[in-house]
C-alpha cells in the first residue's frame, strides 16, 4: 500500500471530523504553505474525499481480482517497419548551431561548463 493510500485509510477511519489544525499539520509535513482560506478549502475538500474513501472501503471486493485498469485494454500499435531516413549531416546542416554531430542548445539550468 502506498503512503498516500495508507494516509487516506487512516484518516477515513477517524471518528472525529477532520480539523483545520490537522489539515495545517499535514500541509506542514508536506512542506506546503497554506493560508487560512486555503486551509478552510482543503479541510472541506479532504472531508469529501475521505467520505468517498469510506464508501469505497465499505464495498465487498473479495471476489474482484486486483487490476491496473477497470477495463480490458490493450495497446493497438501499427507494425514496426523500417522506412526512409534522412542523413544526420543533412539534419545538422539545417540546425542553427551544431557541434560534433549533435545539436547545441542554450543552457537550461544555468551556466554552461
Protein backbone atom coordinates (compact mmCIF):
# COMPACT_ATOMS: atom_id res chain seq x y z
CA UNK A 1 0.00 0.00 0.00
CA UNK A 2 1.40 3.40 -0.94
CA UNK A 3 1.99 6.02 1.78
CA UNK A 4 -0.79 8.17 0.30
CA UNK A 5 -3.29 5.29 0.38
CA UNK A 6 -2.25 4.47 3.94
CA UNK A 7 -2.77 8.11 4.99
CA UNK A 8 -6.26 8.21 3.45
CA UNK A 9 -7.11 4.84 5.05
CA UNK A 10 -6.11 6.12 8.48
CA UNK A 11 -7.89 9.43 8.01
CA UNK A 12 -11.07 7.75 6.75
CA UNK A 13 -11.19 5.62 9.92
CA UNK A 14 -11.15 8.66 12.21
CA UNK A 15 -14.20 9.03 14.40
CA UNK A 16 -13.99 12.81 14.73
CA UNK A 17 -14.36 15.24 11.82
CA UNK A 18 -11.25 16.48 10.06
CA UNK A 19 -9.99 19.62 11.80
CA UNK A 20 -8.31 22.70 10.39
CA UNK A 21 -5.37 22.02 12.71
CA UNK A 22 -4.90 18.53 11.25
CA UNK A 23 -5.01 19.87 7.68
CA UNK A 24 -2.46 22.55 8.62
CA UNK A 25 -0.28 19.86 10.21
CA UNK A 26 -0.47 17.63 7.12
CA UNK A 27 0.41 20.63 4.94
CA UNK A 28 3.42 21.42 7.14
CA UNK A 29 4.60 17.80 6.92
CA UNK A 30 4.39 18.10 3.13
CA UNK A 31 6.22 21.45 3.33
CA UNK A 32 3.24 23.24 1.76
CA UNK A 33 2.41 26.72 2.99
CA UNK A 34 -1.34 27.34 3.22
CA UNK A 35 -3.16 30.50 4.29
CA UNK A 36 -6.36 30.37 6.37
CA UNK A 37 -8.59 30.45 3.30
CA UNK A 38 -6.71 27.55 1.71
CA UNK A 39 -6.82 25.55 4.95
CA UNK A 40 -10.60 26.00 5.08
CA UNK A 41 -10.93 24.98 1.42
CA UNK A 42 -8.76 21.87 1.79
CA UNK A 43 -10.43 20.86 5.06
CA UNK A 44 -13.79 20.79 3.28
CA UNK A 45 -12.32 19.10 0.19
CA UNK A 46 -10.47 16.42 2.20
CA UNK A 47 -13.62 15.66 4.21
CA UNK A 48 -15.41 14.90 0.92
CA UNK A 49 -12.50 12.77 -0.30
CA UNK A 50 -12.41 10.84 2.97
CA UNK A 51 -16.16 10.30 2.83
CA UNK A 52 -15.72 8.82 -0.64
CA UNK A 53 -12.81 6.63 0.55
CA UNK A 54 -15.05 5.37 3.35
CA UNK A 55 -17.72 4.43 0.81
CA UNK A 56 -15.13 2.56 -1.27
CA UNK A 57 -13.83 0.70 1.78
CA UNK A 58 -17.38 -0.43 2.59
CA UNK A 59 -17.61 -2.30 -0.73
CA UNK A 60 -17.20 -6.07 -0.74
CA UNK A 61 -14.41 -6.60 -3.26
CA UNK A 62 -13.19 -10.02 -2.12
CA UNK A 63 -14.34 -11.63 -5.38
CA UNK A 64 -12.76 -8.94 -7.57
CA UNK A 65 -9.25 -9.69 -8.80
CA UNK A 66 -6.66 -6.91 -8.44
CA UNK A 67 -6.23 -4.97 -11.66
CA UNK A 68 -4.42 -1.97 -13.03
CA UNK A 69 -7.31 -0.91 -15.30
CA UNK A 70 -11.03 -1.47 -14.81
CA UNK A 71 -11.47 -2.36 -18.49
CA UNK A 72 -9.58 -4.93 -20.57
CA UNK A 73 -7.44 -2.56 -22.61
CA UNK A 74 -4.55 -3.29 -24.89
CA UNK A 75 -2.40 -1.05 -27.00
CA UNK A 76 -3.20 -1.17 -30.67
CA UNK A 77 0.01 -0.41 -32.49
CA UNK A 78 1.00 -0.45 -36.11
CA UNK A 79 3.57 -2.93 -37.33
CA UNK A 80 7.12 -1.74 -36.85
CA UNK A 81 8.79 -1.27 -40.21
CA UNK A 82 11.96 0.39 -41.42
CA UNK A 83 11.26 3.44 -43.54
CA UNK A 84 13.26 6.04 -45.36
CA UNK A 85 15.60 8.05 -43.17
CA UNK A 86 17.42 11.34 -43.54
CA UNK A 87 21.17 11.53 -43.16
CA UNK A 88 22.45 13.03 -39.91
CA UNK A 89 24.57 15.54 -41.83
CA UNK A 90 21.52 16.80 -43.72
CA UNK A 91 19.59 17.39 -40.50
CA UNK A 92 22.53 19.02 -38.70
CA UNK A 93 23.12 21.30 -41.69
CA UNK A 94 19.70 22.85 -41.00
CA UNK A 95 20.36 23.39 -37.29
CA UNK A 96 21.17 26.91 -36.07
CA UNK A 97 24.07 25.51 -34.03
CA UNK A 98 25.63 22.04 -34.22
CA UNK A 99 28.89 20.61 -32.99
CA UNK A 100 30.46 17.13 -33.11
CA UNK A 101 27.37 15.55 -34.66
CA UNK A 102 24.95 16.98 -32.07
CA UNK A 103 22.57 19.92 -31.75
CA UNK A 104 23.86 22.70 -29.49
CA UNK A 105 21.21 24.40 -27.38
CA UNK A 106 21.38 27.20 -24.81
CA UNK A 107 21.92 26.06 -21.21
CA UNK A 108 18.66 25.38 -19.40
CA UNK A 109 19.71 25.00 -15.76
CA UNK A 110 22.47 27.58 -15.51
CA UNK A 111 25.78 28.50 -17.00
CA UNK A 112 27.41 26.12 -19.44
CA UNK A 113 30.64 24.48 -18.38
